[in-house]
Amino acid sequence: MPPAIPTVASLLLAALWGLSVFGGWGTEAFCSGAESSPACADRIASAILLSAVIALLAAASTAAGWLTHRSALLEVAVGAWVLAVGVLFVGGVVAQ
């Protein structure tokens, strides 16, 4: 059985990333008070795209870690999820 802490961390970070991207949390957090909201939403969309590439790697690492029972892959997955959320946050700050 894979280690519990990296697995739970991956799942929580994936949920945070998913809600930020697909639930609109990111756009709401960074573009709600902006005067040029459509322009801000366009700028944050490019950050979402870059973050999605990293999240795809994170999801693949999470799945591979679970299927192969390798804790090193789960650690890579946690790092990739943190990077994906970080890219989304920094992109949102820049988009403002």
PDB file of N, CA and C in Angstrom:
ATOM      1  N   MET A   1       0.841  -1.180   0.000  1.00  0.00           N
ATOM      2  CA  MET A   1       0.000   0.000   0.000  1.00  0.00           C
ATOM      3  C   MET A   1       0.890   1.248   0.000  1.00  0.00           C
ATOM      4  N   PRO A   2       0.574   2.228  -0.854  1.00  0.00           N
ATOM      5  CA  PRO A   2       1.363   3.461  -0.917  1.00  0.00           C
ATOM      6  C   PRO A   2       1.285   4.248   0.392  1.00  0.00           C
ATOM      7  N   PRO A   3       2.280   5.069   0.677  1.00  0.00           N
ATOM      8  CA  PRO A   3       2.268   5.868   1.894  1.00  0.00           C
ATOM      9  C   PRO A   3       1.061   6.809   1.936  1.00  0.00           C
ATOM     10  N   ALA A   4       0.496   6.976   3.114  1.00  0.00           N
ATOM     11  CA  ALA A   4      -0.745   7.736   3.250  1.00  0.00           C
ATOM     12  C   ALA A   4      -0.520   9.247   3.142  1.00  0.00           C
ATOM     13  N   ILE A   5       0.530   9.756   3.746  1.00  0.00           N
ATOM     14  CA  ILE A   5       0.705  11.213   3.793  1.00  0.00           C
ATOM     15  C   ILE A   5       0.921  11.812   2.401  1.00  0.00           C
ATOM     16  N   PRO A   6       1.816  11.287   1.568  1.00  0.00           N
ATOM     17  CA  PRO A   6       1.937  11.860   0.222  1.00  0.00           C
ATOM     18  C   PRO A   6       0.670  11.668  -0.620  1.00  0.00           C
ATOM     19  N   THR A   7      -0.027  10.563  -0.377  1.00  0.00           N
ATOM     20  CA  THR A   7      -1.256  10.328  -1.123  1.00  0.00           C
ATOM     21  C   THR A   7      -2.313  11.358  -0.765  1.00  0.00           C
ATOM     22  N   VAL A   8      -2.507  11.589   0.524  1.00  0.00           N
ATOM     23  CA  VAL A   8      -3.499  12.571   0.966  1.00  0.00           C
ATOM     24  C   VAL A   8      -3.093  13.971   0.521  1.00  0.00           C
ATOM     25  N   ALA A   9      -1.803  14.281   0.619  1.00  0.00           N
ATOM     26  CA  ALA A   9      -1.329  15.591   0.175  1.00  0.00           C
ATOM     27  C   ALA A   9      -1.597  15.788  -1.314  1.00  0.00           C
ATOM     28  N   SER A  10      -1.342  14.765  -2.111  1.00  0.00           N
ATOM     29  CA  SER A  10      -1.604  14.860  -3.550  1.00  0.00           C
ATOM     30  C   SER A  10      -3.083  15.081  -3.828  1.00  0.00           C
ATOM     31  N   LEU A  11      -3.921  14.345  -3.134  1.00  0.00           N
ATOM     32  CA  LEU A  11      -5.359  14.481  -3.362  1.00  0.00           C
ATOM     33  C   LEU A  11      -5.877  15.852  -2.943  1.00  0.00           C
ATOM     34  N   LEU A  12      -5.391  16.365  -1.822  1.00  0.00           N
ATOM     35  CA  LEU A  12      -5.837  17.693  -1.376  1.00  0.00           C
ATOM     36  C   LEU A  12      -5.337  18.797  -2.304  1.00  0.00           C
ATOM     37  N   LEU A  13      -4.085  18.693  -2.724  1.00  0.00           N
ATOM     38  CA  LEU A  13      -3.564  19.690  -3.662  1.00  0.00           C
ATOM     39  C   LEU A  13      -4.257  19.599  -5.020  1.00  0.00           C
ATOM     40  N   ALA A  14      -4.584  18.394  -5.442  1.00  0.00           N
ATOM     41  CA  ALA A  14      -5.324  18.230  -6.697  1.00  0.00           C
ATOM     42  C   ALA A  14      -6.714  18.848  -6.590  1.00  0.00           C
ATOM     43  N   ALA A  15      -7.355  18.671  -5.446  1.00  0.00           N
ATOM     44  CA  ALA A  15      -8.677  19.279  -5.240  1.00  0.00           C
ATOM     45  C   ALA A  15      -8.575  20.802  -5.243  1.00  0.00           C
ATOM     46  N   LEU A  16      -7.564  21.348  -4.577  1.00  0.00           N
ATOM     47  CA  LEU A  16      -7.366  22.795  -4.564  1.00  0.00           C
ATOM     48  C   LEU A  16      -7.122  23.319  -5.971  1.00  0.00           C
ATOM     49  N   TRP A  17      -6.271  22.637  -6.716  1.00  0.00           N
ATOM     50  CA  TRP A  17      -5.989  23.067  -8.081  1.00  0.00           C
ATOM     51  C   TRP A  17      -7.247  22.961  -8.949  1.00  0.00           C
ATOM     52  N   GLY A  18      -7.955  21.845  -8.838  1.00  0.00           N
ATOM     53  CA  GLY A  18      -9.156  21.649  -9.655  1.00  0.00           C
ATOM     54  C   GLY A  18     -10.232  22.684  -9.375  1.00  0.00           C
ATOM     55  N   LEU A  19     -10.446  22.998  -8.104  1.00  0.00           N
ATOM     56  CA  LEU A  19     -11.452  24.009  -7.773  1.00  0.00           C
ATOM     57  C   LEU A  19     -10.998  25.400  -8.201  1.00  0.00           C
ATOM     58  N   SER A  20      -9.716  25.655  -8.144  1.00  0.00           N
ATOM     59  CA  SER A  20      -9.208  26.955  -8.584  1.00  0.00           C
ATOM     60  C   SER A  20      -9.371  27.135 -10.086  1.00  0.00           C
ATOM     61  N   VAL A  21      -9.178  26.053 -10.827  1.00  0.00           N
ATOM     62  CA  VAL A  21      -9.255  26.144 -12.287  1.00  0.00           C
ATOM     63  C   VAL A  21     -10.688  25.948 -12.784  1.00  0.00           C
ATOM     64  N   PHE A  22     -11.302  24.829 -12.428  1.00  0.00           N
ATOM     65  CA  PHE A  22     -12.613  24.493 -12.971  1.00  0.00           C
ATOM     66  C   PHE A  22     -13.771  25.072 -12.162  1.00  0.00           C
ATOM     67  N   GLY A  23     -13.531  25.354 -10.891  1.00  0.00           N
ATOM     68  CA  GLY A  23     -14.582  25.927 -10.054  1.00  0.00           C
ATOM     69  C   GLY A  23     -14.623  27.440 -10.095  1.00  0.00           C
ATOM     70  N   GLY A  24     -13.658  28.049 -10.767  1.00  0.00           N
ATOM     71  CA  GLY A  24     -13.637  29.494 -10.895  1.00  0.00           C
ATOM     72  C   GLY A  24     -13.032  30.232  -9.718  1.00  0.00           C
ATOM     73  N   TRP A  25     -12.434  29.515  -8.785  1.00  0.00           N
ATOM     74  CA  TRP A  25     -11.848  30.167  -7.620  1.00  0.00           C
ATOM     75  C   TRP A  25     -10.716  31.102  -8.030  1.00  0.00           C
ATOM     76  N   GLY A  26      -9.900  30.696  -8.978  1.00  0.00           N
ATOM     77  CA  GLY A  26      -8.766  31.508  -9.397  1.00  0.00           C
ATOM     78  C   GLY A  26      -9.208  32.817 -10.026  1.00  0.00           C
ATOM     79  N   THR A  27     -10.154  32.753 -10.923  1.00  0.00           N
ATOM     80  CA  THR A  27     -10.656  33.963 -11.567  1.00  0.00           C
ATOM     81  C   THR A  27     -11.347  34.865 -10.557  1.00  0.00           C
ATOM     82  N   GLU A  28     -12.119  34.288  -9.675  1.00  0.00           N
ATOM     83  CA  GLU A  28     -12.807  35.062  -8.640  1.00  0.00           C
ATOM     84  C   GLU A  28     -11.814  35.733  -7.694  1.00  0.00           C
ATOM     85  N   ALA A  29     -10.764  35.024  -7.344  1.00  0.00           N
ATOM     86  CA  ALA A  29      -9.797  35.563  -6.391  1.00  0.00           C
ATOM     87  C   ALA A  29      -8.958  36.684  -6.990  1.00  0.00           C
ATOM     88  N   PHE A  30      -8.594  36.573  -8.251  1.00  0.00           N
ATOM     89  CA  PHE A  30      -7.660  37.531  -8.818  1.00  0.00           C
ATOM     90  C   PHE A  30      -8.298  38.555  -9.739  1.00  0.00           C
ATOM     91  N   CYS A  31      -9.491  38.294 -10.245  1.00  0.00           N
ATOM     92  CA  CYS A  31     -10.089  39.202 -11.229  1.00  0.00           C
ATOM     93  C   CYS A  31     -11.433  39.778 -10.799  1.00  0.00           C
ATOM     94  N   SER A  32     -11.879  39.539  -9.582  1.00  0.00           N
ATOM     95  CA  SER A  32     -13.215  39.996  -9.194  1.00  0.00           C
ATOM     96  C   SER A  32     -13.291  41.508  -9.056  1.00  0.00           C
ATOM     97  N   GLY A  33     -12.248  42.156  -8.572  1.00  0.00           N
ATOM     98  CA  GLY A  33     -12.304  43.597  -8.372  1.00  0.00           C
ATOM     99  C   GLY A  33     -11.644  44.388  -9.478  1.00  0.00           C
ATOM    100  N   ALA A  34     -11.149  43.729 -10.469  1.00  0.00           N
ATOM    101  CA  ALA A  34     -10.435  44.417 -11.547  1.00  0.00           C
ATOM    102  C   ALA A  34     -11.412  45.159 -12.442  1.00  0.00           C
ATOM    103  N   GLU A  35     -10.991  46.340 -12.876  1.00  0.00           N
ATOM    104  CA  GLU A  35     -11.841  47.129 -13.762  1.00  0.00           C
ATOM    105  C   GLU A  35     -11.965  46.469 -15.129  1.00  0.00           C
ATOM    106  N   SER A  36     -10.897  45.861 -15.590  1.00  0.00           N
ATOM    107  CA  SER A  36     -10.925  45.189 -16.888  1.00  0.00           C
ATOM    108  C   SER A  36     -11.001  43.679 -16.658  1.00  0.00           C
ATOM    109  N   SER A  37     -12.126  43.242 -16.137  1.00  0.00           N
ATOM    110  CA  SER A  37     -12.283  41.837 -15.766  1.00  0.00           C
ATOM    111  C   SER A  37     -12.089  40.873 -16.938  1.00  0.00           C
ATOM    112  N   PRO A  38     -12.640  41.138 -18.127  1.00  0.00           N
ATOM    113  CA  PRO A  38     -12.391  40.206 -19.240  1.00  0.00           C
ATOM    114  C   PRO A  38     -10.908  40.113 -19.614  1.00  0.00           C
ATOM    115  N   ALA A  39     -10.208  41.228 -19.563  1.00  0.00           N
ATOM    116  CA  ALA A  39      -8.772  41.199 -19.877  1.00  0.00           C
ATOM    117  C   ALA A  39      -8.012  40.423 -18.803  1.00  0.00           C
ATOM    118  N   CYS A  40      -8.404  40.606 -17.553  1.00  0.00           N
ATOM    119  CA  CYS A  40      -7.768  39.870 -16.461  1.00  0.00           C
ATOM    120  C   CYS A  40      -8.033  38.372 -16.615  1.00  0.00           C
ATOM    121  N   ALA A  41      -9.257  38.018 -16.970  1.00  0.00           N
ATOM    122  CA  ALA A  41      -9.593  36.607 -17.161  1.00  0.00           C
ATOM    123  C   ALA A  41      -8.792  35.997 -18.303  1.00  0.00           C
ATOM    124  N   ASP A  42      -8.530  36.782 -19.352  1.00  0.00           N
ATOM    125  CA  ASP A  42      -7.701  36.286 -20.451  1.00  0.00           C
ATOM    126  C   ASP A  42      -6.258  36.059 -20.002  1.00  0.00           C
ATOM    127  N   ARG A  43      -5.749  36.976 -19.169  1.00  0.00           N
ATOM    128  CA  ARG A  43      -4.374  36.827 -18.682  1.00  0.00           C
ATOM    129  C   ARG A  43      -4.247  35.626 -17.743  1.00  0.00           C
ATOM    130  N   ILE A  44      -5.241  35.425 -16.903  1.00  0.00           N
ATOM    131  CA  ILE A  44      -5.163  34.286 -15.977  1.00  0.00           C
ATOM    132  C   ILE A  44      -5.354  32.966 -16.720  1.00  0.00           C
ATOM    133  N   ALA A  45      -6.013  33.004 -17.870  1.00  0.00           N
ATOM    134  CA  ALA A  45      -6.195  31.783 -18.663  1.00  0.00           C
ATOM    135  C   ALA A  45      -4.848  31.238 -19.140  1.00  0.00           C
ATOM    136  N   SER A  46      -3.898  32.121 -19.442  1.00  0.00           N
ATOM    137  CA  SER A  46      -2.585  31.636 -19.859  1.00  0.00           C
ATOM    138  C   SER A  46      -1.842  31.004 -18.680  1.00  0.00           C
ATOM    139  N   ALA A  47      -2.038  31.541 -17.485  1.00  0.00           N
ATOM    140  CA  ALA A  47      -1.440  30.920 -16.294  1.00  0.00           C
ATOM    141  C   ALA A  47      -2.078  29.567 -16.027  1.00  0.00           C
ATOM    142  N   ILE A  48      -3.374  29.467 -16.264  1.00  0.00           N
ATOM    143  CA  ILE A  48      -4.079  28.194 -16.078  1.00  0.00           C
ATOM    144  C   ILE A  48      -3.543  27.162 -17.061  1.00  0.00           C
ATOM    145  N   LEU A  49      -3.285  27.574 -18.287  1.00  0.00           N
ATOM    146  CA  LEU A  49      -2.772  26.634 -19.293  1.00  0.00           C
ATOM    147  C   LEU A  49      -1.401  26.093 -18.901  1.00  0.00           C
ATOM    148  N   LEU A  50      -0.510  26.969 -18.459  1.00  0.00           N
ATOM    149  CA  LEU A  50       0.809  26.523 -18.023  1.00  0.00           C
ATOM    150  C   LEU A  50       0.691  25.623 -16.794  1.00  0.00           C
ATOM    151  N   SER A  51      -0.171  25.997 -15.873  1.00  0.00           N
ATOM    152  CA  SER A  51      -0.383  25.205 -14.667  1.00  0.00           C
ATOM    153  C   SER A  51      -0.991  23.838 -15.004  1.00  0.00           C
ATOM    154  N   ALA A  52      -1.825  23.790 -16.029  1.00  0.00           N
ATOM    155  CA  ALA A  52      -2.464  22.531 -16.420  1.00  0.00           C
ATOM    156  C   ALA A  52      -1.446  21.522 -16.936  1.00  0.00           C
ATOM    157  N   VAL A  53      -0.414  22.004 -17.620  1.00  0.00           N
ATOM    158  CA  VAL A  53       0.649  21.104 -18.103  1.00  0.00           C
ATOM    159  C   VAL A  53       1.353  20.455 -16.909  1.00  0.00           C
ATOM    160  N   ILE A  54       1.643  21.263 -15.896  1.00  0.00           N
ATOM    161  CA  ILE A  54       2.303  20.741 -14.697  1.00  0.00           C
ATOM    162  C   ILE A  54       1.351  19.811 -13.941  1.00  0.00           C
ATOM    163  N   ALA A  55       0.074  20.173 -13.882  1.00  0.00           N
ATOM    164  CA  ALA A  55      -0.909  19.331 -13.194  1.00  0.00           C
ATOM    165  C   ALA A  55      -1.082  17.986 -13.885  1.00  0.00           C
ATOM    166  N   LEU A  56      -0.943  17.967 -15.193  1.00  0.00           N
ATOM    167  CA  LEU A  56      -1.016  16.701 -15.921  1.00  0.00           C
ATOM    168  C   LEU A  56       0.138  15.783 -15.516  1.00  0.00           C
ATOM    169  N   LEU A  57       1.332  16.336 -15.388  1.00  0.00           N
ATOM    170  CA  LEU A  57       2.479  15.576 -14.909  1.00  0.00           C
ATOM    171  C   LEU A  57       2.224  15.091 -13.471  1.00  0.00           C
ATOM    172  N   ALA A  58       1.660  15.962 -12.645  1.00  0.00           N
ATOM    173  CA  ALA A  58       1.379  15.596 -11.258  1.00  0.00           C
ATOM    174  C   ALA A  58       0.352  14.470 -11.176  1.00  0.00           C
ATOM    175  N   ALA A  59      -0.681  14.550 -11.989  1.00  0.00           N
ATOM    176  CA  ALA A  59      -1.702  13.504 -11.987  1.00  0.00           C
ATOM    177  C   ALA A  59      -1.125  12.173 -12.465  1.00  0.00           C
ATOM    178  N   ALA A  60      -0.286  12.227 -13.483  1.00  0.00           N
ATOM    179  CA  ALA A  60       0.345  11.001 -13.973  1.00  0.00           C
ATOM    180  C   ALA A  60       1.275  10.405 -12.922  1.00  0.00           C
ATOM    181  N   SER A  61       2.014  11.266 -12.217  1.00  0.00           N
ATOM    182  CA  SER A  61       2.905  10.777 -11.162  1.00  0.00           C
ATOM    183  C   SER A  61       2.119  10.179 -10.003  1.00  0.00           C
ATOM    184  N   THR A  62       1.000  10.802  -9.661  1.00  0.00           N
ATOM    185  CA  THR A  62       0.153  10.268  -8.591  1.00  0.00           C
ATOM    186  C   THR A  62      -0.378   8.889  -8.962  1.00  0.00           C
ATOM    187  N   ALA A  63      -0.894   8.773 -10.170  1.00  0.00           N
ATOM    188  CA  ALA A  63      -1.437   7.489 -10.611  1.00  0.00           C
ATOM    189  C   ALA A  63      -0.341   6.423 -10.695  1.00  0.00           C
ATOM    190  N   ALA A  64       0.808   6.797 -11.240  1.00  0.00           N
ATOM    191  CA  ALA A  64       1.911   5.838 -11.350  1.00  0.00           C
ATOM    192  C   ALA A  64       2.412   5.421  -9.970  1.00  0.00           C
ATOM    193  N   GLY A  65       2.479   6.361  -9.052  1.00  0.00           N
ATOM    194  CA  GLY A  65       2.902   6.033  -7.687  1.00  0.00           C
ATOM    195  C   GLY A  65       1.949   5.082  -7.003  1.00  0.00           C
ATOM    196  N   TRP A  66       0.667   5.278  -7.238  1.00  0.00           N
ATOM    197  CA  TRP A  66      -0.328   4.375  -6.657  1.00  0.00           C
ATOM    198  C   TRP A  66      -0.266   2.992  -7.290  1.00  0.00           C
ATOM    199  N   LEU A  67      -0.139   2.946  -8.601  1.00  0.00           N
ATOM    200  CA  LEU A  67      -0.164   1.656  -9.293  1.00  0.00           C
ATOM    201  C   LEU A  67       1.100   0.843  -9.054  1.00  0.00           C
ATOM    202  N   THR A  68       2.234   1.517  -8.924  1.00  0.00           N
ATOM    203  CA  THR A  68       3.493   0.794  -8.745  1.00  0.00           C
ATOM    204  C   THR A  68       3.935   0.703  -7.287  1.00  0.00           C
ATOM    205  N   HIS A  69       3.211   1.383  -6.407  1.00  0.00           N
ATOM    206  CA  HIS A  69       3.530   1.395  -4.966  1.00  0.00           C
ATOM    207  C   HIS A  69       4.919   1.948  -4.700  1.00  0.00           C
ATOM    208  N   ARG A  70       5.297   2.969  -5.457  1.00  0.00           N
ATOM    209  CA  ARG A  70       6.604   3.607  -5.271  1.00  0.00           C
ATOM    210  C   ARG A  70       6.399   4.965  -4.602  1.00  0.00           C
ATOM    211  N   SER A  71       6.946   5.088  -3.428  1.00  0.00           N
ATOM    212  CA  SER A  71       6.763   6.337  -2.688  1.00  0.00           C
ATOM    213  C   SER A  71       7.519   7.496  -3.339  1.00  0.00           C
ATOM    214  N   ALA A  72       8.590   7.205  -4.063  1.00  0.00           N
ATOM    215  CA  ALA A  72       9.336   8.280  -4.729  1.00  0.00           C
ATOM    216  C   ALA A  72       8.476   8.985  -5.774  1.00  0.00           C
ATOM    217  N   LEU A  73       7.658   8.227  -6.476  1.00  0.00           N
ATOM    218  CA  LEU A  73       6.758   8.846  -7.462  1.00  0.00           C
ATOM    219  C   LEU A  73       5.706   9.708  -6.780  1.00  0.00           C
ATOM    220  N   LEU A  74       5.236   9.284  -5.628  1.00  0.00           N
ATOM    221  CA  LEU A  74       4.261  10.092  -4.897  1.00  0.00           C
ATOM    222  C   LEU A  74       4.889  11.378  -4.385  1.00  0.00           C
ATOM    223  N   GLU A  75       6.162  11.319  -4.024  1.00  0.00           N
ATOM    224  CA  GLU A  75       6.851  12.535  -3.599  1.00  0.00           C
ATOM    225  C   GLU A  75       7.030  13.495  -4.772  1.00  0.00           C
ATOM    226  N   VAL A  76       7.329  12.964  -5.939  1.00  0.00           N
ATOM    227  CA  VAL A  76       7.408  13.787  -7.151  1.00  0.00           C
ATOM    228  C   VAL A  76       6.043  14.404  -7.439  1.00  0.00           C
ATOM    229  N   ALA A  77       4.995  13.619  -7.249  1.00  0.00           N
ATOM    230  CA  ALA A  77       3.637  14.111  -7.499  1.00  0.00           C
ATOM    231  C   ALA A  77       3.288  15.266  -6.570  1.00  0.00           C
ATOM    232  N   VAL A  78       3.628  15.148  -5.300  1.00  0.00           N
ATOM    233  CA  VAL A  78       3.346  16.230  -4.354  1.00  0.00           C
ATOM    234  C   VAL A  78       4.091  17.492  -4.781  1.00  0.00           C
ATOM    235  N   GLY A  79       5.347  17.347  -5.152  1.00  0.00           N
ATOM    236  CA  GLY A  79       6.114  18.500  -5.619  1.00  0.00           C
ATOM    237  C   GLY A  79       5.518  19.127  -6.869  1.00  0.00           C
ATOM    238  N   ALA A  80       5.053  18.287  -7.776  1.00  0.00           N
ATOM    239  CA  ALA A  80       4.446  18.801  -9.007  1.00  0.00           C
ATOM    240  C   ALA A  80       3.124  19.509  -8.717  1.00  0.00           C
ATOM    241  N   TRP A  81       2.332  18.980  -7.785  1.00  0.00           N
ATOM    242  CA  TRP A  81       1.074  19.658  -7.412  1.00  0.00           C
ATOM    243  C   TRP A  81       1.362  21.004  -6.773  1.00  0.00           C
ATOM    244  N   VAL A  82       2.361  21.053  -5.908  1.00  0.00           N
ATOM    245  CA  VAL A  82       2.733  22.334  -5.284  1.00  0.00           C
ATOM    246  C   VAL A  82       3.174  23.323  -6.356  1.00  0.00           C
ATOM    247  N   LEU A  83       3.952  22.852  -7.317  1.00  0.00           N
ATOM    248  CA  LEU A  83       4.395  23.715  -8.414  1.00  0.00           C
ATOM    249  C   LEU A  83       3.205  24.187  -9.252  1.00  0.00           C
ATOM    250  N   ALA A  84       2.269  23.297  -9.547  1.00  0.00           N
ATOM    251  CA  ALA A  84       1.092  23.677 -10.348  1.00  0.00           C
ATOM    252  C   ALA A  84       0.265  24.745  -9.637  1.00  0.00           C
ATOM    253  N   VAL A  85       0.049  24.576  -8.341  1.00  0.00           N
ATOM    254  CA  VAL A  85      -0.709  25.571  -7.579  1.00  0.00           C
ATOM    255  C   VAL A  85       0.097  26.869  -7.488  1.00  0.00           C
ATOM    256  N   GLY A  86       1.404  26.759  -7.321  1.00  0.00           N
ATOM    257  CA  GLY A  86       2.246  27.949  -7.263  1.00  0.00           C
ATOM    258  C   GLY A  86       2.240  28.738  -8.556  1.00  0.00           C
ATOM    259  N   VAL A  87       2.318  28.045  -9.676  1.00  0.00           N
ATOM    260  CA  VAL A  87       2.261  28.716 -10.979  1.00  0.00           C
ATOM    261  C   VAL A  87       0.921  29.414 -11.153  1.00  0.00           C
ATOM    262  N   LEU A  88      -0.135  28.768 -10.726  1.00  0.00           N
ATOM    263  CA  LEU A  88      -1.465  29.374 -10.816  1.00  0.00           C
ATOM    264  C   LEU A  88      -1.547  30.631  -9.947  1.00  0.00           C
ATOM    265  N   PHE A  89      -0.982  30.573  -8.735  1.00  0.00           N
ATOM    266  CA  PHE A  89      -1.017  31.725  -7.839  1.00  0.00           C
ATOM    267  C   PHE A  89      -0.185  32.883  -8.401  1.00  0.00           C
ATOM    268  N   VAL A  90       1.046  32.583  -8.803  1.00  0.00           N
ATOM    269  CA  VAL A  90       1.903  33.645  -9.337  1.00  0.00           C
ATOM    270  C   VAL A  90       1.297  34.230 -10.621  1.00  0.00           C
ATOM    271  N   GLY A  91       0.737  33.371 -11.457  1.00  0.00           N
ATOM    272  CA  GLY A  91       0.067  33.864 -12.671  1.00  0.00           C
ATOM    273  C   GLY A  91      -1.129  34.740 -12.343  1.00  0.00           C
ATOM    274  N   GLY A  92      -1.844  34.399 -11.290  1.00  0.00           N
ATOM    275  CA  GLY A  92      -2.973  35.243 -10.875  1.00  0.00           C
ATOM    276  C   GLY A  92      -2.529  36.584 -10.350  1.00  0.00           C
ATOM    277  N   VAL A  93      -1.444  36.608  -9.595  1.00  0.00           N
ATOM    278  CA  VAL A  93      -0.920  37.864  -9.081  1.00  0.00           C
ATOM    279  C   VAL A  93      -0.453  38.751 -10.244  1.00  0.00           C
ATOM    280  N   VAL A  94       0.219  38.151 -11.206  1.00  0.00           N
ATOM    281  CA  VAL A  94       0.686  38.909 -12.373  1.00  0.00           C
ATOM    282  C   VAL A  94      -0.500  39.383 -13.205  1.00  0.00           C
ATOM    283  N   ALA A  95      -1.563  38.593 -13.282  1.00  0.00           N
ATOM    284  CA  ALA A  95      -2.732  38.949 -14.085  1.00  0.00           C
ATOM    285  C   ALA A  95      -3.457  40.170 -13.548  1.00  0.00           C
ATOM    286  N   GLN A  96      -3.333  40.411 -12.259  1.00  0.00           N
ATOM    287  CA  GLN A  96      -3.998  41.577 -11.680  1.00  0.00           C
ATOM    288  C   GLN A  96      -3.342  42.811 -12.222  1.00  0.00           C
TER     289      GLN A  96
END
